[in-house]
Amino acid sequence: MNDLAFWRIRSRAFNKLEWVNNFFYLKNFVSACSPIKNDVVLDVGTGSGVVADALLPFVSKVVGLDFSLDMLSKGEWGGRKTFVLGNAKKMPFENDFFDLVVMRSVLHHITDFPLRALQESRRVLKKGGRFVISEGVPPSDFVFKQYEDIFSIKEKRILFREGNVEGLVRKAGFEKVSSFYFWIKKSSVKNWLKYSGLSKDKQDEIFSIYLNDKQLQKEHNCVLTRDGDCLVDVKTEIVKGFKE
């Protein structure tokens, strides 16, 4: 399956994913961006524009960049919030154009040359501008093997450990780089699987890992519910850098 076909399937129910719309995750991500009224913002891998929507009340304009029209079609665009069809590794923008560039849960999908997407983000950022990125990471290295097993079933992606994303941001040339971790509390595994475009067989295979792996349950602070769900605390890393 090629990338466009993958996102055509994912787009059908993407906006129903709990983590996508989690209020506290969005609030912490937006806070890390330190938005300013006159900012012109680029949201890389905008998808349906959830992050763009969260930033819009605090800035002048948001441009969403994505290569999937299927994903873009799930958002509402116009006025101060527009989209551009394009590739994160070769952005159709001039140098030093945006005040703020953001990228939430996108880099793990750029499996070939992810550093290039970060370098492009820096290129289109004005001097003095901010770059903010967030990615999910395993709750600890004790369950990294389980993550490899889960995502070998789910999709092709990069698996980041703690500090990996911060290291890439530094390597891309950003300065004054800092990071912190945010936990999405009691996130439904069944919701994540149901709306991820997976076949029922794959959903069941992944869910059985969560149900049967005690170490995974411990590290995720898992709660098994009466209706058969598994609620987990999901760890994300939020990294901020500047172009000077």
Protein backbone atom coordinates (compact mmCIF):
# COMPACT_ATOMS: atom_id res chain seq x y z
CA MET A 1 0.00 0.00 0.00
CA ASN A 2 1.43 3.39 -0.96
CA ASP A 3 1.39 6.41 1.35
CA LEU A 4 -1.59 8.12 -0.29
CA ALA A 5 -3.68 4.96 -0.09
CA PHE A 6 -2.72 4.55 3.57
CA TRP A 7 -3.93 8.07 4.41
CA ARG A 8 -7.07 7.66 2.32
CA ILE A 9 -8.03 4.84 4.68
CA ARG A 10 -6.85 6.66 7.82
CA SER A 11 -8.75 9.83 6.90
CA ARG A 12 -12.15 8.14 7.13
CA ALA A 13 -12.19 8.11 10.93
CA PHE A 14 -9.11 10.11 11.90
CA ASN A 15 -11.08 12.84 13.68
CA LYS A 16 -12.65 10.22 15.98
CA LEU A 17 -9.30 9.32 17.55
CA GLU A 18 -9.21 10.40 21.21
CA TRP A 19 -5.56 11.43 21.22
CA VAL A 20 -6.05 13.67 18.18
CA ASN A 21 -8.58 15.85 20.00
CA ASN A 22 -7.32 15.48 23.57
CA PHE A 23 -7.87 18.92 25.15
CA PHE A 24 -4.96 18.77 27.57
CA TYR A 25 -2.50 17.52 24.96
CA LEU A 26 -3.50 20.34 22.60
CA LYS A 27 -3.36 22.88 25.43
CA ASN A 28 0.18 21.87 26.42
CA PHE A 29 1.34 21.78 22.81
CA VAL A 30 -0.07 25.25 22.09
CA SER A 31 1.45 26.59 25.32
CA ALA A 32 4.88 25.29 24.27
CA CYS A 33 4.49 27.24 21.00
CA SER A 34 4.26 30.57 22.88
CA PRO A 35 1.93 31.93 20.17
CA ILE A 36 1.95 35.67 19.46
CA LYS A 37 -0.88 37.68 17.92
CA ASN A 38 1.02 38.58 14.73
CA ASP A 39 2.50 35.11 14.14
CA VAL A 40 2.19 33.49 10.74
CA VAL A 41 2.30 29.76 11.49
CA LEU A 42 3.06 26.65 9.46
CA ASP A 43 1.50 23.39 10.65
CA VAL A 44 3.50 20.61 8.98
CA GLY A 45 1.50 17.44 8.36
CA THR A 46 -1.66 19.27 9.35
CA GLY A 47 -4.02 16.47 8.30
CA SER A 48 -7.55 17.55 9.21
CA GLY A 49 -6.23 20.75 10.80
CA VAL A 50 -6.82 20.00 14.49
CA VAL A 51 -3.58 21.65 15.63
CA ALA A 52 -4.14 24.53 13.20
CA ASP A 53 -7.57 25.08 14.77
CA ALA A 54 -6.08 25.07 18.27
CA LEU A 55 -3.48 27.70 17.34
CA LEU A 56 -5.70 29.97 15.23
CA PRO A 57 -7.29 32.00 18.10
CA PHE A 58 -3.84 33.12 19.26
CA VAL A 59 -2.11 34.03 15.98
CA SER A 60 -2.57 36.01 12.77
CA LYS A 61 -2.65 33.16 10.24
CA VAL A 62 -2.09 29.41 10.05
CA VAL A 63 -1.04 27.54 6.92
CA GLY A 64 -1.50 23.77 6.99
CA LEU A 65 0.84 21.67 4.86
CA ASP A 66 -0.05 18.10 3.92
CA PHE A 67 0.43 15.77 0.97
CA SER A 68 -2.93 14.00 1.42
CA LEU A 69 -6.03 15.65 -0.02
CA ASP A 70 -8.10 12.98 1.72
CA MET A 71 -6.84 14.16 5.11
CA LEU A 72 -7.14 17.85 4.22
CA SER A 73 -10.74 17.30 3.10
CA LYS A 74 -11.68 16.37 6.68
CA GLY A 75 -10.89 19.88 7.92
CA GLU A 76 -12.53 23.26 7.49
CA TRP A 77 -10.39 25.79 5.66
CA GLY A 78 -10.67 29.44 4.74
CA GLY A 79 -10.07 32.93 6.08
CA ARG A 80 -7.01 32.99 8.36
CA LYS A 81 -6.60 29.20 8.12
CA THR A 82 -5.53 27.88 4.73
CA PHE A 83 -3.81 24.77 3.41
CA VAL A 84 -1.12 24.00 0.85
CA LEU A 85 -0.72 20.61 -0.77
CA GLY A 86 2.93 19.65 -0.46
CA ASN A 87 5.70 17.47 0.91
CA ALA A 88 7.36 18.10 4.28
CA LYS A 89 10.75 17.19 2.83
CA LYS A 90 10.50 19.75 0.04
CA MET A 91 8.26 22.58 1.19
CA PRO A 92 6.85 25.02 -1.38
CA PHE A 93 7.75 28.10 0.66
CA GLU A 94 10.48 30.73 0.58
CA ASN A 95 13.29 30.90 3.12
CA ASP A 96 12.65 32.75 6.38
CA PHE A 97 8.88 32.97 5.87
CA PHE A 98 7.12 31.78 9.06
CA ASP A 99 7.30 32.99 12.66
CA LEU A 100 6.39 29.57 14.06
CA VAL A 101 6.56 26.07 12.58
CA VAL A 102 4.87 23.14 14.33
CA MET A 103 4.74 19.40 13.76
CA ARG A 104 2.61 17.16 15.97
CA SER A 105 2.80 13.35 15.63
CA VAL A 106 4.03 13.57 12.06
CA LEU A 107 7.75 12.82 12.02
CA HIS A 108 7.35 9.11 12.82
CA HIS A 109 5.56 8.71 9.47
CA ILE A 110 8.49 10.20 7.52
CA THR A 111 10.46 6.97 7.51
CA ASP A 112 12.95 8.01 4.83
CA PHE A 113 15.16 10.99 5.71
CA PRO A 114 13.13 12.44 8.63
CA LEU A 115 15.98 14.88 9.27
CA ARG A 116 15.24 16.47 5.91
CA ALA A 117 11.76 17.47 7.11
CA LEU A 118 13.29 19.15 10.16
CA GLN A 119 15.88 20.95 8.04
CA GLU A 120 13.10 22.19 5.74
CA SER A 121 11.18 23.40 8.79
CA ARG A 122 14.22 25.40 9.84
CA ARG A 123 14.74 26.77 6.33
CA VAL A 124 11.25 28.28 6.09
CA LEU A 125 11.41 29.68 9.64
CA LYS A 126 12.35 33.31 10.19
CA LYS A 127 15.39 34.16 12.26
CA GLY A 128 14.27 34.31 15.87
CA GLY A 129 11.35 32.01 15.05
CA ARG A 130 10.25 28.98 17.03
CA PHE A 131 9.88 25.33 16.07
CA VAL A 132 7.78 22.95 18.18
CA ILE A 133 7.40 19.22 17.59
CA SER A 134 5.75 16.42 19.53
CA GLU A 135 6.04 12.65 19.23
CA GLY A 136 4.85 9.68 21.23
CA VAL A 137 7.50 7.59 22.97
CA PRO A 138 7.34 4.32 24.93
CA PRO A 139 6.72 4.87 28.65
CA SER A 140 10.11 3.28 29.28
CA ASP A 141 12.81 1.25 27.53
CA PHE A 142 11.52 -1.82 29.37
CA VAL A 143 8.71 -2.12 26.81
CA PHE A 144 10.49 -0.97 23.64
CA LYS A 145 10.40 -4.55 22.29
CA GLN A 146 6.64 -4.65 22.82
CA TYR A 147 6.34 -1.38 20.87
CA GLU A 148 8.30 -2.94 18.03
CA ASP A 149 5.90 -5.91 18.03
CA ILE A 150 2.81 -3.68 18.12
CA PHE A 151 3.88 -1.37 15.31
CA SER A 152 5.17 -4.18 13.13
CA ILE A 153 1.50 -5.16 12.99
CA LYS A 154 0.02 -1.65 12.84
CA GLU A 155 2.06 0.35 10.31
CA LYS A 156 5.46 1.29 8.98
CA ARG A 157 6.88 4.03 11.19
CA ILE A 158 9.90 5.25 13.14
CA LEU A 159 9.91 4.31 16.81
CA PHE A 160 11.47 7.03 18.94
CA ARG A 161 13.01 6.53 22.36
CA GLU A 162 13.27 9.30 24.96
CA GLY A 163 15.54 12.06 23.69
CA ASN A 164 15.65 10.85 20.07
CA VAL A 165 13.47 13.67 18.76
CA GLU A 166 15.38 16.31 20.72
CA GLY A 167 18.59 14.95 19.24
CA LEU A 168 17.24 15.22 15.69
CA VAL A 169 16.04 18.78 16.31
CA ARG A 170 19.55 19.73 17.44
CA LYS A 171 21.09 17.93 14.45
CA ALA A 172 18.81 19.91 12.11
CA GLY A 173 20.49 23.10 13.32
CA PHE A 174 17.98 24.49 15.80
CA GLU A 175 19.33 26.27 18.86
CA LYS A 176 18.22 26.75 22.48
CA VAL A 177 16.57 23.34 22.24
CA SER A 178 14.55 22.12 25.22
CA SER A 179 11.99 19.39 25.84
CA PHE A 180 9.47 18.07 28.32
CA TYR A 181 7.19 15.07 28.59
CA PHE A 182 3.41 15.16 28.62
CA TRP A 183 1.22 12.18 29.51
CA ILE A 184 -2.17 11.66 27.87
CA LYS A 185 -4.04 10.07 30.75
CA LYS A 186 -6.35 7.06 30.41
CA SER A 187 -6.40 6.88 26.65
CA SER A 188 -8.56 4.12 25.18
CA VAL A 189 -6.64 1.42 23.32
CA LYS A 190 -9.85 0.23 21.67
CA ASN A 191 -10.56 3.74 20.35
CA TRP A 192 -7.00 3.98 19.00
CA LEU A 193 -7.32 0.65 17.20
CA LYS A 194 -10.92 1.04 15.97
CA TYR A 195 -10.28 4.35 14.23
CA SER A 196 -6.80 3.63 12.90
CA GLY A 197 -7.98 1.97 9.70
CA LEU A 198 -6.83 -1.50 10.73
CA SER A 199 -8.58 -4.75 9.90
CA LYS A 200 -10.41 -6.45 12.77
CA ASP A 201 -7.79 -9.22 12.82
CA LYS A 202 -4.97 -6.72 13.31
CA GLN A 203 -6.92 -4.83 15.95
CA ASP A 204 -7.46 -8.05 17.90
CA GLU A 205 -3.82 -9.09 17.54
CA ILE A 206 -2.54 -5.79 18.94
CA PHE A 207 -5.17 -5.64 21.68
CA SER A 208 -4.17 -9.10 22.88
CA ILE A 209 -0.64 -7.81 23.48
CA TYR A 210 -2.00 -5.15 25.83
CA LEU A 211 -4.25 -7.67 27.58
CA ASN A 212 -1.55 -10.27 28.12
CA ASP A 213 1.68 -8.33 28.72
CA LYS A 214 1.93 -7.42 32.41
CA GLN A 215 5.03 -5.27 31.92
CA LEU A 216 3.30 -3.22 29.25
CA GLN A 217 0.29 -2.76 31.52
CA LYS A 218 2.52 -1.67 34.40
CA GLU A 219 4.52 0.88 32.41
CA HIS A 220 1.35 2.32 30.86
CA ASN A 221 -0.48 2.43 34.20
CA CYS A 222 -3.17 0.39 32.47
CA VAL A 223 -6.75 0.10 33.74
CA LEU A 224 -8.88 -2.74 32.41
CA THR A 225 -12.51 -1.66 32.25
CA ARG A 226 -15.68 -3.65 32.77
CA ASP A 227 -16.64 -3.20 29.12
CA GLY A 228 -13.40 -4.83 27.99
CA ASP A 229 -11.31 -1.77 27.15
CA CYS A 230 -7.76 -1.01 28.22
CA LEU A 231 -7.08 2.57 29.33
CA VAL A 232 -3.42 3.59 29.23
CA ASP A 233 -1.29 6.62 30.02
CA VAL A 234 0.50 7.60 26.81
CA LYS A 235 3.85 9.39 26.98
CA THR A 236 4.66 12.17 24.53
CA GLU A 237 7.80 14.28 24.12
CA ILE A 238 7.38 17.95 23.21
CA VAL A 239 10.52 19.63 21.88
CA LYS A 240 11.08 23.32 21.20
CA GLY A 241 13.92 24.98 19.30
CA PHE A 242 14.79 28.34 17.79
CA LYS A 243 16.41 29.61 14.61
CA GLU A 244 18.97 32.29 15.42
